Amino acid sequence: MASAGQNVLWSLTYTSEVADTPRYRLLSPGTEELTVKLPAALGDYVLGATAYSAITGVGRSVAIAEIGHVDVEAGEAIVRHTQVVAGTDGRLMALPAAPGTYNVAGISISEAAAAGELVTVKLFPGNQVVVVV
């Protein structure tokens, strides 16, 4: 499905710790202040998304959309109006049903039938969810 469109309310510029990360990916805090990297595990905390451009090398500046409606590439089929988390490649994943602690990146505004499609997400990183089965 087509994205619902971006409406970024807050963004900051960070320095990349990763090389060649495509646009529309979620990124986590890096090892140094004001740096970013790909999430290390499913459901890792994210700062925001590469909504404006791809990252083309380590040490490059990149603007990260932190709050607002942002397009993110799906890593799997995503249902509209569901909680979403980051996969290890920065693509969007549905909140897992498996027991664990996950950091929700936001809520999907649109849907994806398969991996690779863009999903508009209402970003509000920093909400931790514990799934108990």
N, C-alpha and C. Protein backbone atom coordinates (compact mmCIF):
# COMPACT_ATOMS: atom_id res chain seq x y z
N MET A 1 0.83 -1.17 0.00
CA MET A 1 0.00 0.00 0.00
C MET A 1 0.89 1.24 0.00
N ALA A 2 0.43 2.31 -0.59
CA ALA A 2 1.18 3.56 -0.62
C ALA A 2 1.26 4.15 0.78
N SER A 3 2.32 4.89 1.01
CA SER A 3 2.48 5.51 2.32
C SER A 3 1.45 6.63 2.48
N ALA A 4 1.18 6.96 3.72
CA ALA A 4 0.22 8.02 4.02
C ALA A 4 0.88 9.40 3.97
N GLY A 5 2.20 9.44 3.82
CA GLY A 5 2.91 10.72 3.72
C GLY A 5 3.62 11.08 5.01
N GLN A 6 4.72 11.80 4.86
CA GLN A 6 5.53 12.17 6.01
C GLN A 6 5.14 13.55 6.53
N ASN A 7 5.21 13.68 7.84
CA ASN A 7 4.97 14.95 8.52
C ASN A 7 5.86 14.95 9.75
N VAL A 8 7.11 15.34 9.56
CA VAL A 8 8.10 15.29 10.64
C VAL A 8 7.94 16.51 11.55
N LEU A 9 7.80 16.24 12.84
CA LEU A 9 7.65 17.31 13.81
C LEU A 9 8.96 17.68 14.50
N TRP A 10 9.89 16.72 14.57
CA TRP A 10 11.16 16.97 15.26
C TRP A 10 12.24 16.11 14.63
N SER A 11 13.36 16.72 14.29
CA SER A 11 14.50 15.95 13.79
C SER A 11 15.79 16.58 14.30
N LEU A 12 16.83 15.77 14.39
CA LEU A 12 18.15 16.22 14.82
C LEU A 12 19.20 15.61 13.89
N THR A 13 20.36 16.23 13.84
CA THR A 13 21.45 15.72 13.03
C THR A 13 22.41 14.93 13.92
N TYR A 14 22.74 13.72 13.47
CA TYR A 14 23.64 12.82 14.18
C TYR A 14 24.80 12.46 13.26
N THR A 15 25.80 11.79 13.82
CA THR A 15 26.90 11.26 13.05
C THR A 15 26.72 9.75 12.95
N SER A 16 26.91 9.22 11.76
CA SER A 16 26.69 7.80 11.52
C SER A 16 27.86 6.94 11.98
N GLU A 17 27.54 5.82 12.63
CA GLU A 17 28.54 4.80 12.95
C GLU A 17 28.42 3.62 11.97
N VAL A 18 27.52 3.73 11.00
CA VAL A 18 27.31 2.65 10.03
C VAL A 18 27.53 3.18 8.63
N ALA A 19 27.86 2.28 7.73
CA ALA A 19 28.07 2.65 6.33
C ALA A 19 26.91 2.19 5.46
N ASP A 20 26.55 3.01 4.51
CA ASP A 20 25.58 2.65 3.49
C ASP A 20 24.27 2.09 4.02
N THR A 21 23.61 2.84 4.87
CA THR A 21 22.29 2.48 5.35
C THR A 21 21.24 3.17 4.48
N PRO A 22 20.31 2.41 3.91
CA PRO A 22 19.31 3.02 3.04
C PRO A 22 18.40 4.00 3.78
N ARG A 23 17.75 4.85 3.00
CA ARG A 23 16.72 5.74 3.54
C ARG A 23 15.57 4.87 4.05
N TYR A 24 14.79 5.41 4.94
CA TYR A 24 13.59 4.75 5.49
C TYR A 24 13.93 3.61 6.45
N ARG A 25 15.01 3.76 7.23
CA ARG A 25 15.37 2.76 8.23
C ARG A 25 15.37 3.40 9.62
N LEU A 26 15.07 2.58 10.63
CA LEU A 26 15.13 3.02 12.03
C LEU A 26 16.56 2.88 12.53
N LEU A 27 16.98 3.83 13.37
CA LEU A 27 18.35 3.81 13.90
C LEU A 27 18.35 3.96 15.42
N SER A 28 19.30 3.31 16.04
CA SER A 28 19.47 3.34 17.50
C SER A 28 20.62 4.27 17.87
N PRO A 29 20.69 4.64 19.16
CA PRO A 29 21.83 5.46 19.60
C PRO A 29 23.14 4.73 19.38
N GLY A 30 24.16 5.46 18.97
CA GLY A 30 25.49 4.90 18.77
C GLY A 30 26.25 4.81 20.08
N THR A 31 27.54 4.52 19.98
CA THR A 31 28.36 4.36 21.17
C THR A 31 28.84 5.70 21.75
N GLU A 32 28.84 6.72 20.93
CA GLU A 32 29.24 8.06 21.36
C GLU A 32 28.04 9.00 21.34
N GLU A 33 28.16 10.13 22.00
CA GLU A 33 27.09 11.12 22.02
C GLU A 33 26.79 11.61 20.60
N LEU A 34 25.51 11.72 20.27
CA LEU A 34 25.02 12.20 18.98
C LEU A 34 25.50 11.35 17.79
N THR A 35 25.61 10.03 18.03
CA THR A 35 25.90 9.10 16.94
C THR A 35 24.76 8.09 16.84
N VAL A 36 24.62 7.48 15.65
CA VAL A 36 23.58 6.48 15.43
C VAL A 36 24.15 5.25 14.75
N LYS A 37 23.44 4.12 14.93
CA LYS A 37 23.81 2.85 14.32
C LYS A 37 22.53 2.03 14.12
N LEU A 38 22.65 0.92 13.41
CA LEU A 38 21.51 0.02 13.26
C LEU A 38 21.20 -0.65 14.60
N PRO A 39 19.94 -0.99 14.86
CA PRO A 39 19.60 -1.70 16.09
C PRO A 39 20.36 -3.03 16.18
N ALA A 40 20.78 -3.39 17.38
CA ALA A 40 21.55 -4.63 17.57
C ALA A 40 20.65 -5.84 17.73
N ALA A 41 19.41 -5.65 18.16
CA ALA A 41 18.49 -6.76 18.39
C ALA A 41 17.07 -6.32 18.08
N LEU A 42 16.21 -7.28 17.83
CA LEU A 42 14.80 -6.99 17.57
C LEU A 42 14.22 -6.23 18.76
N GLY A 43 13.60 -5.11 18.49
CA GLY A 43 12.96 -4.33 19.54
C GLY A 43 13.89 -3.43 20.32
N ASP A 44 15.12 -3.23 19.83
CA ASP A 44 16.03 -2.29 20.49
C ASP A 44 15.44 -0.88 20.48
N TYR A 45 15.89 -0.06 21.41
CA TYR A 45 15.48 1.33 21.47
C TYR A 45 15.94 2.05 20.19
N VAL A 46 15.09 2.88 19.63
CA VAL A 46 15.45 3.66 18.45
C VAL A 46 15.29 5.15 18.74
N LEU A 47 16.11 5.95 18.05
CA LEU A 47 15.99 7.40 18.13
C LEU A 47 15.01 7.93 17.10
N GLY A 48 14.99 7.29 15.92
CA GLY A 48 14.13 7.75 14.84
C GLY A 48 14.50 7.06 13.55
N ALA A 49 14.18 7.72 12.43
CA ALA A 49 14.36 7.10 11.11
C ALA A 49 15.12 8.00 10.16
N THR A 50 15.80 7.37 9.20
CA THR A 50 16.48 8.10 8.13
C THR A 50 15.43 8.51 7.10
N ALA A 51 14.66 9.51 7.42
CA ALA A 51 13.51 9.91 6.60
C ALA A 51 13.90 10.79 5.42
N TYR A 52 15.05 11.42 5.47
CA TYR A 52 15.41 12.40 4.45
C TYR A 52 16.38 11.88 3.41
N SER A 53 17.34 11.05 3.83
CA SER A 53 18.34 10.55 2.89
C SER A 53 18.99 9.30 3.46
N ALA A 54 19.68 8.57 2.59
CA ALA A 54 20.44 7.41 3.02
C ALA A 54 21.73 7.87 3.69
N ILE A 55 22.34 6.97 4.44
CA ILE A 55 23.65 7.23 5.04
C ILE A 55 24.68 6.62 4.11
N THR A 56 25.66 7.41 3.70
CA THR A 56 26.62 6.94 2.71
C THR A 56 28.03 6.77 3.25
N GLY A 57 28.18 6.57 4.53
CA GLY A 57 29.51 6.30 5.07
C GLY A 57 29.62 6.59 6.55
N VAL A 58 30.54 5.91 7.20
CA VAL A 58 30.81 6.12 8.62
C VAL A 58 31.33 7.54 8.81
N GLY A 59 30.86 8.20 9.88
CA GLY A 59 31.31 9.55 10.19
C GLY A 59 30.55 10.64 9.45
N ARG A 60 29.59 10.27 8.62
CA ARG A 60 28.80 11.26 7.88
C ARG A 60 27.67 11.77 8.74
N SER A 61 27.28 13.01 8.52
CA SER A 61 26.13 13.60 9.21
C SER A 61 24.85 13.12 8.55
N VAL A 62 23.85 12.84 9.37
CA VAL A 62 22.56 12.41 8.85
C VAL A 62 21.46 12.98 9.74
N ALA A 63 20.42 13.54 9.11
CA ALA A 63 19.27 14.05 9.84
C ALA A 63 18.34 12.88 10.15
N ILE A 64 17.98 12.74 11.40
CA ILE A 64 17.10 11.65 11.84
C ILE A 64 15.78 12.25 12.30
N ALA A 65 14.69 11.79 11.68
CA ALA A 65 13.35 12.21 12.11
C ALA A 65 13.03 11.46 13.40
N GLU A 66 12.75 12.21 14.47
CA GLU A 66 12.54 11.59 15.77
C GLU A 66 11.08 11.52 16.19
N ILE A 67 10.29 12.48 15.78
CA ILE A 67 8.86 12.50 16.16
C ILE A 67 8.06 12.96 14.95
N GLY A 68 6.94 12.31 14.72
CA GLY A 68 6.06 12.68 13.62
C GLY A 68 5.62 11.47 12.83
N HIS A 69 5.02 11.70 11.68
CA HIS A 69 4.63 10.63 10.76
C HIS A 69 5.75 10.46 9.75
N VAL A 70 6.38 9.29 9.75
CA VAL A 70 7.57 9.04 8.95
C VAL A 70 7.42 7.72 8.21
N ASP A 71 7.89 7.69 6.96
CA ASP A 71 7.89 6.45 6.19
C ASP A 71 9.09 5.59 6.59
N VAL A 72 8.82 4.28 6.82
CA VAL A 72 9.86 3.33 7.18
C VAL A 72 9.64 2.06 6.35
N GLU A 73 10.72 1.45 5.89
CA GLU A 73 10.61 0.22 5.11
C GLU A 73 10.23 -0.95 6.01
N ALA A 74 9.24 -1.72 5.57
CA ALA A 74 8.78 -2.88 6.33
C ALA A 74 9.73 -4.06 6.15
N GLY A 75 9.94 -4.81 7.22
CA GLY A 75 10.72 -6.03 7.17
C GLY A 75 9.84 -7.26 7.04
N GLU A 76 8.53 -7.04 7.10
CA GLU A 76 7.53 -8.10 7.00
C GLU A 76 6.19 -7.43 6.73
N ALA A 77 5.14 -8.22 6.55
CA ALA A 77 3.81 -7.65 6.41
C ALA A 77 3.44 -6.93 7.71
N ILE A 78 2.89 -5.73 7.59
CA ILE A 78 2.53 -4.91 8.75
C ILE A 78 1.05 -4.54 8.65
N VAL A 79 0.31 -4.76 9.71
CA VAL A 79 -1.10 -4.39 9.78
C VAL A 79 -1.22 -2.95 10.24
N ARG A 80 -2.16 -2.23 9.66
CA ARG A 80 -2.39 -0.84 10.04
C ARG A 80 -2.84 -0.75 11.51
N HIS A 81 -2.40 0.30 12.18
CA HIS A 81 -2.75 0.62 13.57
C HIS A 81 -2.24 -0.42 14.57
N THR A 82 -1.02 -0.88 14.35
CA THR A 82 -0.41 -1.83 15.28
C THR A 82 0.90 -1.25 15.81
N GLN A 83 1.32 -1.70 16.99
CA GLN A 83 2.59 -1.27 17.54
C GLN A 83 3.72 -1.92 16.74
N VAL A 84 4.75 -1.12 16.46
CA VAL A 84 5.86 -1.61 15.65
C VAL A 84 7.19 -1.37 16.35
N VAL A 85 8.16 -2.24 16.01
CA VAL A 85 9.50 -2.18 16.59
C VAL A 85 10.52 -2.23 15.46
N ALA A 86 11.78 -2.03 15.80
CA ALA A 86 12.86 -2.10 14.82
C ALA A 86 13.42 -3.50 14.74
N GLY A 87 13.69 -3.93 13.51
CA GLY A 87 14.44 -5.16 13.28
C GLY A 87 15.93 -4.83 13.29
N THR A 88 16.78 -5.84 13.24
CA THR A 88 18.23 -5.59 13.31
C THR A 88 18.79 -4.91 12.07
N ASP A 89 18.03 -4.88 10.98
CA ASP A 89 18.47 -4.16 9.78
C ASP A 89 17.82 -2.78 9.69
N GLY A 90 17.11 -2.38 10.77
CA GLY A 90 16.46 -1.08 10.80
C GLY A 90 15.11 -1.05 10.14
N ARG A 91 14.67 -2.20 9.59
CA ARG A 91 13.35 -2.23 8.99
C ARG A 91 12.29 -2.47 10.05
N LEU A 92 11.07 -2.12 9.71
CA LEU A 92 9.94 -2.17 10.63
C LEU A 92 9.42 -3.59 10.82
N MET A 93 9.14 -3.95 12.06
CA MET A 93 8.57 -5.25 12.39
C MET A 93 7.39 -5.03 13.33
N ALA A 94 6.41 -5.93 13.27
CA ALA A 94 5.29 -5.87 14.22
C ALA A 94 5.80 -6.24 15.61
N LEU A 95 5.16 -5.70 16.64
CA LEU A 95 5.52 -6.06 18.01
C LEU A 95 5.39 -7.58 18.15
N PRO A 96 6.47 -8.27 18.53
CA PRO A 96 6.41 -9.73 18.63
C PRO A 96 5.43 -10.21 19.69
N ALA A 97 4.88 -11.39 19.46
CA ALA A 97 3.99 -12.01 20.45
C ALA A 97 4.79 -12.83 21.46
N ALA A 98 6.06 -13.10 21.14
CA ALA A 98 6.92 -13.89 22.03
C ALA A 98 7.23 -13.11 23.30
N PRO A 99 7.32 -13.80 24.44
CA PRO A 99 7.65 -13.11 25.68
C PRO A 99 8.98 -12.36 25.56
N GLY A 100 9.03 -11.18 26.13
CA GLY A 100 10.25 -10.39 26.10
C GLY A 100 9.96 -8.93 26.34
N THR A 101 10.99 -8.13 26.40
CA THR A 101 10.88 -6.69 26.57
C THR A 101 11.29 -6.04 25.27
N TYR A 102 10.42 -5.20 24.72
CA TYR A 102 10.64 -4.56 23.43
C TYR A 102 10.42 -3.05 23.55
N ASN A 103 11.15 -2.30 22.78
CA ASN A 103 10.97 -0.85 22.72
C ASN A 103 10.14 -0.53 21.48
N VAL A 104 8.96 -0.01 21.70
CA VAL A 104 8.05 0.30 20.60
C VAL A 104 8.52 1.59 19.94
N ALA A 105 8.67 1.55 18.61
CA ALA A 105 9.08 2.74 17.86
C ALA A 105 7.89 3.64 17.55
N GLY A 106 6.69 3.05 17.48
CA GLY A 106 5.50 3.83 17.18
C GLY A 106 4.34 2.94 16.78
N ILE A 107 3.38 3.56 16.08
CA ILE A 107 2.17 2.89 15.60
C ILE A 107 2.12 3.02 14.09
N SER A 108 1.82 1.93 13.39
CA SER A 108 1.71 1.99 11.92
C SER A 108 0.43 2.72 11.54
N ILE A 109 0.56 3.68 10.63
CA ILE A 109 -0.58 4.44 10.13
C ILE A 109 -1.11 3.80 8.84
N SER A 110 -0.19 3.24 8.06
CA SER A 110 -0.57 2.52 6.84
C SER A 110 -0.15 1.07 7.02
N GLU A 111 -0.29 0.26 5.99
CA GLU A 111 0.04 -1.15 6.10
C GLU A 111 0.97 -1.58 4.98
N ALA A 112 1.57 -2.74 5.14
CA ALA A 112 2.44 -3.33 4.11
C ALA A 112 2.01 -4.77 3.91
N ALA A 113 1.86 -5.17 2.66
CA ALA A 113 1.49 -6.55 2.35
C ALA A 113 2.71 -7.47 2.45
N ALA A 114 3.91 -6.88 2.30
CA ALA A 114 5.13 -7.69 2.31
C ALA A 114 6.33 -6.83 2.68
N ALA A 115 7.45 -7.49 2.96
CA ALA A 115 8.71 -6.79 3.24
C ALA A 115 9.09 -5.94 2.04
N GLY A 116 9.72 -4.79 2.33
CA GLY A 116 10.19 -3.91 1.27
C GLY A 116 9.26 -2.75 0.97
N GLU A 117 8.01 -2.86 1.40
CA GLU A 117 7.06 -1.76 1.18
C GLU A 117 7.25 -0.70 2.25
N LEU A 118 6.88 0.54 1.92
CA LEU A 118 6.95 1.63 2.90
C LEU A 118 5.69 1.68 3.73
N VAL A 119 5.87 1.91 5.01
CA VAL A 119 4.77 2.05 5.96
C VAL A 119 4.94 3.40 6.64
N THR A 120 3.86 4.17 6.73
CA THR A 120 3.92 5.41 7.49
C THR A 120 3.70 5.07 8.96
N VAL A 121 4.62 5.55 9.79
CA VAL A 121 4.60 5.26 11.23
C VAL A 121 4.47 6.55 12.00
N LYS A 122 3.62 6.54 13.01
CA LYS A 122 3.57 7.65 13.96
C LYS A 122 4.66 7.34 14.97
N LEU A 123 5.83 8.01 14.78
CA LEU A 123 6.99 7.76 15.64
C LEU A 123 6.81 8.40 17.01
N PHE A 124 7.04 7.62 18.03
CA PHE A 124 7.16 8.14 19.40
C PHE A 124 8.04 7.16 20.17
N PRO A 125 9.34 7.14 19.80
CA PRO A 125 10.25 6.18 20.43
C PRO A 125 10.37 6.36 21.93
N GLY A 126 10.75 5.28 22.60
CA GLY A 126 11.01 5.35 24.04
C GLY A 126 9.99 4.65 24.90
N ASN A 127 9.00 3.99 24.28
CA ASN A 127 7.98 3.28 25.04
C ASN A 127 8.34 1.81 25.10
N GLN A 128 8.58 1.33 26.31
CA GLN A 128 8.99 -0.06 26.48
C GLN A 128 7.76 -0.91 26.81
N VAL A 129 7.66 -2.07 26.16
CA VAL A 129 6.54 -3.00 26.36
C VAL A 129 7.10 -4.35 26.77
N VAL A 130 6.50 -4.95 27.78
CA VAL A 130 6.86 -6.30 28.20
C VAL A 130 5.74 -7.23 27.75
N VAL A 131 6.08 -8.22 26.93
CA VAL A 131 5.12 -9.20 26.46
C VAL A 131 5.22 -10.43 27.35
N VAL A 132 4.09 -10.80 27.95
CA VAL A 132 4.03 -11.96 28.84
C VAL A 132 3.00 -12.92 28.26
N VAL A 133 3.41 -14.17 28.12
CA VAL A 133 2.48 -15.18 27.57
C VAL A 133 2.24 -16.25 28.60
